[in-house]
All heavy atoms as atom14 arrays in JSON, in Angstrom:
{
  "sequence": "GGLVQPGGSLRLSCVASGFTLDFYAIGWFRQAPG",
  "atom14_mask": [
    [1, 1, 1, 1, 0, 0, 0, 0, 0, 0, 0, 0, 0, 0],
    [1, 1, 1, 1, 0, 0, 0, 0, 0, 0, 0, 0, 0, 0],
    [1, 1, 1, 1, 1, 1, 1, 1, 0, 0, 0, 0, 0, 0],
    [1, 1, 1, 1, 1, 1, 1, 0, 0, 0, 0, 0, 0, 0],
    [1, 1, 1, 1, 1, 1, 1, 1, 1, 0, 0, 0, 0, 0],
    [1, 1, 1, 1, 1, 1, 1, 0, 0, 0, 0, 0, 0, 0],
    [1, 1, 1, 1, 0, 0, 0, 0, 0, 0, 0, 0, 0, 0],
    [1, 1, 1, 1, 0, 0, 0, 0, 0, 0, 0, 0, 0, 0],
    [1, 1, 1, 1, 1, 1, 0, 0, 0, 0, 0, 0, 0, 0],
    [1, 1, 1, 1, 1, 1, 1, 1, 0, 0, 0, 0, 0, 0],
    [1, 1, 1, 1, 1, 1, 1, 1, 1, 1, 1, 0, 0, 0],
    [1, 1, 1, 1, 1, 1, 1, 1, 0, 0, 0, 0, 0, 0],
    [1, 1, 1, 1, 1, 1, 0, 0, 0, 0, 0, 0, 0, 0],
    [1, 1, 1, 1, 1, 1, 0, 0, 0, 0, 0, 0, 0, 0],
    [1, 1, 1, 1, 1, 1, 1, 0, 0, 0, 0, 0, 0, 0],
    [1, 1, 1, 1, 1, 0, 0, 0, 0, 0, 0, 0, 0, 0],
    [1, 1, 1, 1, 1, 1, 0, 0, 0, 0, 0, 0, 0, 0],
    [1, 1, 1, 1, 0, 0, 0, 0, 0, 0, 0, 0, 0, 0],
    [1, 1, 1, 1, 1, 1, 1, 1, 1, 1, 1, 0, 0, 0],
    [1, 1, 1, 1, 1, 1, 1, 0, 0, 0, 0, 0, 0, 0],
    [1, 1, 1, 1, 1, 1, 1, 1, 0, 0, 0, 0, 0, 0],
    [1, 1, 1, 1, 1, 1, 1, 1, 0, 0, 0, 0, 0, 0],
    [1, 1, 1, 1, 1, 1, 1, 1, 1, 1, 1, 0, 0, 0],
    [1, 1, 1, 1, 1, 1, 1, 1, 1, 1, 1, 1, 0, 0],
    [1, 1, 1, 1, 1, 0, 0, 0, 0, 0, 0, 0, 0, 0],
    [1, 1, 1, 1, 1, 1, 1, 1, 0, 0, 0, 0, 0, 0],
    [1, 1, 1, 1, 0, 0, 0, 0, 0, 0, 0, 0, 0, 0],
    [1, 1, 1, 1, 1, 1, 1, 1, 1, 1, 1, 1, 1, 1],
    [1, 1, 1, 1, 1, 1, 1, 1, 1, 1, 1, 0, 0, 0],
    [1, 1, 1, 1, 1, 1, 1, 1, 1, 1, 1, 0, 0, 0],
    [1, 1, 1, 1, 1, 1, 1, 1, 1, 0, 0, 0, 0, 0],
    [1, 1, 1, 1, 1, 0, 0, 0, 0, 0, 0, 0, 0, 0],
    [1, 1, 1, 1, 1, 1, 1, 0, 0, 0, 0, 0, 0, 0],
    [1, 1, 1, 1, 0, 0, 0, 0, 0, 0, 0, 0, 0, 0]
  ],
  "atom14_positions": [
    [[-172.84, 91.25, 62.29], [-171.41, 91.14, 62.24], [-170.7, 92.47, 62.7], [-171.33, 93.41, 62.95], [0.0, 0.0, 0.0], [0.0, 0.0, 0.0], [0.0, 0.0, 0.0], [0.0, 0.0, 0.0], [0.0, 0.0, 0.0], [0.0, 0.0, 0.0], [0.0, 0.0, 0.0], [0.0, 0.0, 0.0], [0.0, 0.0, 0.0], [0.0, 0.0, 0.0]],
    [[-169.36, 92.25, 62.91], [-168.67, 93.49, 63.35], [-167.29, 93.02, 63.87], [-166.79, 91.93, 63.64], [0.0, 0.0, 0.0], [0.0, 0.0, 0.0], [0.0, 0.0, 0.0], [0.0, 0.0, 0.0], [0.0, 0.0, 0.0], [0.0, 0.0, 0.0], [0.0, 0.0, 0.0], [0.0, 0.0, 0.0], [0.0, 0.0, 0.0], [0.0, 0.0, 0.0]],
    [[-166.67, 93.93, 64.6], [-165.36, 93.75, 65.18], [-165.47, 93.34, 66.67], [-166.29, 93.9, 67.37], [-164.5, 94.97, 65.11], [-164.15, 95.55, 63.73], [-163.5, 96.84, 63.86], [-163.25, 94.55, 62.97], [0.0, 0.0, 0.0], [0.0, 0.0, 0.0], [0.0, 0.0, 0.0], [0.0, 0.0, 0.0], [0.0, 0.0, 0.0], [0.0, 0.0, 0.0]],
    [[-164.78, 92.28, 67.06], [-164.9, 91.8, 68.46], [-163.5, 91.24, 68.84], [-162.77, 90.73, 67.96], [-166.0, 90.77, 68.54], [-165.68, 89.46, 67.77], [-166.23, 90.41, 70.01], [0.0, 0.0, 0.0], [0.0, 0.0, 0.0], [0.0, 0.0, 0.0], [0.0, 0.0, 0.0], [0.0, 0.0, 0.0], [0.0, 0.0, 0.0], [0.0, 0.0, 0.0]],
    [[-163.23, 91.38, 70.07], [-162.0, 90.83, 70.63], [-162.1, 89.29, 70.84], [-163.16, 88.8, 71.04], [-161.53, 91.53, 71.96], [-161.17, 92.99, 71.73], [-160.75, 93.63, 73.02], [-161.04, 93.1, 74.16], [-159.92, 94.67, 72.96], [0.0, 0.0, 0.0], [0.0, 0.0, 0.0], [0.0, 0.0, 0.0], [0.0, 0.0, 0.0], [0.0, 0.0, 0.0]],
    [[-160.93, 88.65, 70.82], [-160.96, 87.19, 71.14], [-161.62, 87.0, 72.48], [-161.41, 87.72, 73.43], [-159.54, 86.83, 71.16], [-158.84, 87.76, 70.23], [-159.57, 89.06, 70.43], [0.0, 0.0, 0.0], [0.0, 0.0, 0.0], [0.0, 0.0, 0.0], [0.0, 0.0, 0.0], [0.0, 0.0, 0.0], [0.0, 0.0, 0.0], [0.0, 0.0, 0.0]],
    [[-162.49, 85.93, 72.49], [-163.27, 85.69, 73.65], [-164.57, 86.36, 73.75], [-165.39, 86.02, 74.64], [0.0, 0.0, 0.0], [0.0, 0.0, 0.0], [0.0, 0.0, 0.0], [0.0, 0.0, 0.0], [0.0, 0.0, 0.0], [0.0, 0.0, 0.0], [0.0, 0.0, 0.0], [0.0, 0.0, 0.0], [0.0, 0.0, 0.0], [0.0, 0.0, 0.0]],
    [[-164.82, 87.28, 72.86], [-166.09, 87.98, 72.88], [-167.18, 87.21, 72.19], [-166.98, 86.09, 71.71], [0.0, 0.0, 0.0], [0.0, 0.0, 0.0], [0.0, 0.0, 0.0], [0.0, 0.0, 0.0], [0.0, 0.0, 0.0], [0.0, 0.0, 0.0], [0.0, 0.0, 0.0], [0.0, 0.0, 0.0], [0.0, 0.0, 0.0], [0.0, 0.0, 0.0]],
    [[-168.33, 87.87, 72.04], [-169.49, 87.21, 71.44], [-170.19, 88.14, 70.47], [-170.09, 89.41, 70.55], [-170.46, 86.97, 72.6], [-170.01, 85.96, 73.47], [0.0, 0.0, 0.0], [0.0, 0.0, 0.0], [0.0, 0.0, 0.0], [0.0, 0.0, 0.0], [0.0, 0.0, 0.0], [0.0, 0.0, 0.0], [0.0, 0.0, 0.0], [0.0, 0.0, 0.0]],
    [[-170.84, 87.51, 69.5], [-171.65, 88.22, 68.55], [-172.9, 87.36, 68.27], [-172.84, 86.17, 68.42], [-170.97, 88.47, 67.19], [-169.86, 89.58, 67.19], [-169.19, 89.52, 65.78], [-170.45, 91.0, 67.42], [0.0, 0.0, 0.0], [0.0, 0.0, 0.0], [0.0, 0.0, 0.0], [0.0, 0.0, 0.0], [0.0, 0.0, 0.0], [0.0, 0.0, 0.0]],
    [[-174.06, 87.98, 67.91], [-175.17, 87.27, 67.44], [-175.59, 87.71, 66.05], [-175.83, 88.88, 65.92], [-176.35, 87.37, 68.4], [-177.51, 86.53, 68.04], [-178.7, 86.6, 68.97], [-179.48, 87.82, 68.79], [-180.71, 87.97, 69.26], [-181.36, 86.97, 69.82], [-181.39, 89.13, 68.98], [0.0, 0.0, 0.0], [0.0, 0.0, 0.0], [0.0, 0.0, 0.0]],
    [[-175.46, 86.81, 65.16], [-175.93, 87.05, 63.8], [-177.36, 86.78, 63.6], [-177.88, 85.81, 64.15], [-175.04, 86.27, 62.8], [-173.51, 86.4, 62.96], [-172.85, 85.5, 61.84], [-173.08, 87.8, 62.9], [0.0, 0.0, 0.0], [0.0, 0.0, 0.0], [0.0, 0.0, 0.0], [0.0, 0.0, 0.0], [0.0, 0.0, 0.0], [0.0, 0.0, 0.0]],
    [[-177.99, 87.53, 62.76], [-179.39, 87.28, 62.38], [-179.53, 87.14, 60.95], [-178.81, 87.79, 60.16], [-180.26, 88.46, 62.88], [-180.2, 88.65, 64.26], [0.0, 0.0, 0.0], [0.0, 0.0, 0.0], [0.0, 0.0, 0.0], [0.0, 0.0, 0.0], [0.0, 0.0, 0.0], [0.0, 0.0, 0.0], [0.0, 0.0, 0.0], [0.0, 0.0, 0.0]],
    [[-180.44, 86.34, 60.54], [-180.79, 86.05, 59.1], [-182.27, 86.27, 58.99], [-183.04, 85.38, 59.54], [-180.34, 84.67, 58.7], [-180.85, 84.22, 57.04], [0.0, 0.0, 0.0], [0.0, 0.0, 0.0], [0.0, 0.0, 0.0], [0.0, 0.0, 0.0], [0.0, 0.0, 0.0], [0.0, 0.0, 0.0], [0.0, 0.0, 0.0], [0.0, 0.0, 0.0]],
    [[-182.77, 87.21, 58.3], [-184.18, 87.52, 58.13], [-184.57, 87.13, 56.68], [-183.93, 87.59, 55.78], [-184.56, 88.94, 58.42], [-185.96, 89.15, 58.22], [-184.11, 89.28, 59.87], [0.0, 0.0, 0.0], [0.0, 0.0, 0.0], [0.0, 0.0, 0.0], [0.0, 0.0, 0.0], [0.0, 0.0, 0.0], [0.0, 0.0, 0.0], [0.0, 0.0, 0.0]],
    [[-185.64, 86.32, 56.55], [-186.12, 85.98, 55.29], [-187.29, 86.78, 54.77], [-188.12, 87.14, 55.62], [-186.46, 84.45, 55.28], [0.0, 0.0, 0.0], [0.0, 0.0, 0.0], [0.0, 0.0, 0.0], [0.0, 0.0, 0.0], [0.0, 0.0, 0.0], [0.0, 0.0, 0.0], [0.0, 0.0, 0.0], [0.0, 0.0, 0.0], [0.0, 0.0, 0.0]],
    [[-187.37, 87.03, 53.53], [-188.49, 87.59, 52.93], [-188.81, 86.9, 51.55], [-187.96, 86.38, 50.93], [-188.37, 89.14, 52.74], [-187.26, 89.35, 51.83], [0.0, 0.0, 0.0], [0.0, 0.0, 0.0], [0.0, 0.0, 0.0], [0.0, 0.0, 0.0], [0.0, 0.0, 0.0], [0.0, 0.0, 0.0], [0.0, 0.0, 0.0], [0.0, 0.0, 0.0]],
    [[-190.03, 87.02, 51.18], [-190.43, 86.44, 49.87], [-190.79, 84.92, 49.94], [-191.22, 84.38, 48.96], [0.0, 0.0, 0.0], [0.0, 0.0, 0.0], [0.0, 0.0, 0.0], [0.0, 0.0, 0.0], [0.0, 0.0, 0.0], [0.0, 0.0, 0.0], [0.0, 0.0, 0.0], [0.0, 0.0, 0.0], [0.0, 0.0, 0.0], [0.0, 0.0, 0.0]],
    [[-190.62, 84.35, 51.11], [-191.02, 82.97, 51.29], [-191.18, 82.73, 52.79], [-190.8, 83.5, 53.66], [-189.97, 81.95, 50.79], [-188.65, 82.13, 51.26], [-188.21, 81.29, 52.36], [-187.74, 83.09, 50.83], [-187.0, 81.36, 52.91], [-186.45, 83.12, 51.28], [-186.03, 82.32, 52.37], [0.0, 0.0, 0.0], [0.0, 0.0, 0.0], [0.0, 0.0, 0.0]],
    [[-191.87, 81.62, 53.13], [-192.13, 81.3, 54.45], [-191.06, 80.45, 55.0], [-190.72, 79.36, 54.51], [-193.46, 80.56, 54.63], [-194.57, 81.34, 54.08], [-193.81, 80.2, 56.05], [0.0, 0.0, 0.0], [0.0, 0.0, 0.0], [0.0, 0.0, 0.0], [0.0, 0.0, 0.0], [0.0, 0.0, 0.0], [0.0, 0.0, 0.0], [0.0, 0.0, 0.0]],
    [[-190.39, 80.92, 56.01], [-189.2, 80.28, 56.53], [-189.44, 78.9, 57.11], [-188.62, 78.06, 57.19], [-188.57, 81.2, 57.6], [-187.1, 80.89, 58.06], [-186.17, 80.86, 56.85], [-186.64, 81.76, 59.14], [0.0, 0.0, 0.0], [0.0, 0.0, 0.0], [0.0, 0.0, 0.0], [0.0, 0.0, 0.0], [0.0, 0.0, 0.0], [0.0, 0.0, 0.0]],
    [[-190.68, 78.67, 57.54], [-191.03, 77.43, 58.06], [-190.67, 76.21, 57.19], [-190.51, 75.09, 57.66], [-192.54, 77.34, 58.34], [-193.05, 78.53, 59.25], [-192.86, 79.67, 58.8], [-193.66, 78.21, 60.19], [0.0, 0.0, 0.0], [0.0, 0.0, 0.0], [0.0, 0.0, 0.0], [0.0, 0.0, 0.0], [0.0, 0.0, 0.0], [0.0, 0.0, 0.0]],
    [[-190.68, 76.41, 55.84], [-190.46, 75.28, 54.92], [-189.04, 75.12, 54.52], [-188.77, 74.33, 53.64], [-191.35, 75.6, 53.65], [-192.81, 75.6, 53.91], [-193.51, 76.81, 54.05], [-193.53, 74.35, 54.1], [-194.79, 76.8, 54.26], [-194.85, 74.37, 54.28], [-195.56, 75.62, 54.42], [0.0, 0.0, 0.0], [0.0, 0.0, 0.0], [0.0, 0.0, 0.0]],
    [[-188.15, 75.83, 55.18], [-186.72, 75.74, 54.86], [-185.83, 75.38, 56.01], [-185.99, 75.93, 57.08], [-186.31, 77.08, 54.23], [-186.92, 77.42, 52.93], [-188.18, 78.06, 52.88], [-186.3, 77.15, 51.74], [-188.8, 78.38, 51.67], [-186.86, 77.45, 50.5], [-188.14, 78.06, 50.49], [-188.71, 78.41, 49.32], [0.0, 0.0, 0.0], [0.0, 0.0, 0.0]],
    [[-184.88, 74.56, 55.73], [-183.7, 74.44, 56.63], [-182.8, 75.62, 56.24], [-182.65, 76.03, 55.12], [-183.01, 73.08, 56.37], [0.0, 0.0, 0.0], [0.0, 0.0, 0.0], [0.0, 0.0, 0.0], [0.0, 0.0, 0.0], [0.0, 0.0, 0.0], [0.0, 0.0, 0.0], [0.0, 0.0, 0.0], [0.0, 0.0, 0.0], [0.0, 0.0, 0.0]],
    [[-182.13, 76.12, 57.29], [-181.22, 77.2, 57.15], [-179.87, 76.93, 57.64], [-179.68, 76.36, 58.72], [-181.77, 78.48, 57.97], [-183.18, 78.85, 57.51], [-180.75, 79.64, 57.77], [-183.24, 79.35, 55.99], [0.0, 0.0, 0.0], [0.0, 0.0, 0.0], [0.0, 0.0, 0.0], [0.0, 0.0, 0.0], [0.0, 0.0, 0.0], [0.0, 0.0, 0.0]],
    [[-178.9, 77.2, 56.75], [-177.55, 77.0, 57.14], [-176.72, 78.32, 57.27], [-177.11, 79.27, 56.58], [0.0, 0.0, 0.0], [0.0, 0.0, 0.0], [0.0, 0.0, 0.0], [0.0, 0.0, 0.0], [0.0, 0.0, 0.0], [0.0, 0.0, 0.0], [0.0, 0.0, 0.0], [0.0, 0.0, 0.0], [0.0, 0.0, 0.0], [0.0, 0.0, 0.0]],
    [[-175.71, 78.3, 58.14], [-174.76, 79.39, 58.24], [-173.49, 78.86, 57.68], [-172.98, 77.8, 58.02], [-174.65, 79.82, 59.65], [-175.68, 80.76, 60.14], [-176.72, 80.41, 60.96], [-175.82, 82.14, 59.95], [-177.47, 81.48, 61.23], [-176.92, 82.65, 60.62], [-175.0, 83.05, 59.28], [-177.32, 83.86, 60.66], [-175.45, 84.36, 59.26], [-176.59, 84.81, 59.96]],
    [[-172.84, 79.67, 56.84], [-171.58, 79.4, 56.23], [-170.61, 80.53, 56.47], [-171.01, 81.67, 56.76], [-171.81, 79.17, 54.76], [-172.66, 77.95, 54.35], [-174.01, 78.12, 54.37], [-172.01, 76.82, 53.97], [-174.8, 77.03, 54.04], [-172.82, 75.73, 53.63], [-174.23, 75.83, 53.67], [0.0, 0.0, 0.0], [0.0, 0.0, 0.0], [0.0, 0.0, 0.0]],
    [[-169.33, 80.2, 56.3], [-168.43, 81.32, 56.38], [-167.26, 81.13, 55.44], [-167.01, 79.98, 55.01], [-167.82, 81.46, 57.81], [-166.94, 80.27, 58.31], [-166.61, 80.43, 59.76], [-165.77, 79.32, 60.24], [-165.35, 79.2, 61.48], [-165.84, 80.09, 62.4], [-164.63, 78.14, 61.88], [0.0, 0.0, 0.0], [0.0, 0.0, 0.0], [0.0, 0.0, 0.0]],
    [[-166.63, 82.14, 55.03], [-165.54, 82.14, 54.06], [-164.47, 83.16, 54.47], [-164.78, 84.34, 54.5], [-165.95, 82.31, 52.67], [-164.9, 82.07, 51.64], [-165.42, 81.99, 50.21], [-166.48, 82.46, 49.93], [-164.61, 81.3, 49.39], [0.0, 0.0, 0.0], [0.0, 0.0, 0.0], [0.0, 0.0, 0.0], [0.0, 0.0, 0.0], [0.0, 0.0, 0.0]],
    [[-163.28, 82.7, 54.8], [-162.19, 83.56, 55.14], [-161.34, 83.76, 53.85], [-161.42, 82.93, 52.98], [-161.32, 82.92, 56.23], [0.0, 0.0, 0.0], [0.0, 0.0, 0.0], [0.0, 0.0, 0.0], [0.0, 0.0, 0.0], [0.0, 0.0, 0.0], [0.0, 0.0, 0.0], [0.0, 0.0, 0.0], [0.0, 0.0, 0.0], [0.0, 0.0, 0.0]],
    [[-160.64, 84.91, 53.86], [-159.82, 85.13, 52.65], [-158.89, 84.0, 52.36], [-158.14, 83.47, 53.19], [-159.02, 86.44, 53.0], [-159.92, 87.1, 54.03], [-160.59, 85.94, 54.88], [0.0, 0.0, 0.0], [0.0, 0.0, 0.0], [0.0, 0.0, 0.0], [0.0, 0.0, 0.0], [0.0, 0.0, 0.0], [0.0, 0.0, 0.0], [0.0, 0.0, 0.0]],
    [[-158.92, 83.57, 51.07], [-158.01, 82.46, 50.6], [-158.47, 81.11, 51.03], [-157.67, 80.17, 50.8], [0.0, 0.0, 0.0], [0.0, 0.0, 0.0], [0.0, 0.0, 0.0], [0.0, 0.0, 0.0], [0.0, 0.0, 0.0], [0.0, 0.0, 0.0], [0.0, 0.0, 0.0], [0.0, 0.0, 0.0], [0.0, 0.0, 0.0], [0.0, 0.0, 0.0]]
  ]
}
């Protein structure tokens, strides 16, 4: 994450530990203030 101008791009990463990711579906969620 970070600051970016409109029209720009970012790549988010989610790294798992403590379990094998192969056995899980992964979702991305977001929450804006309010």
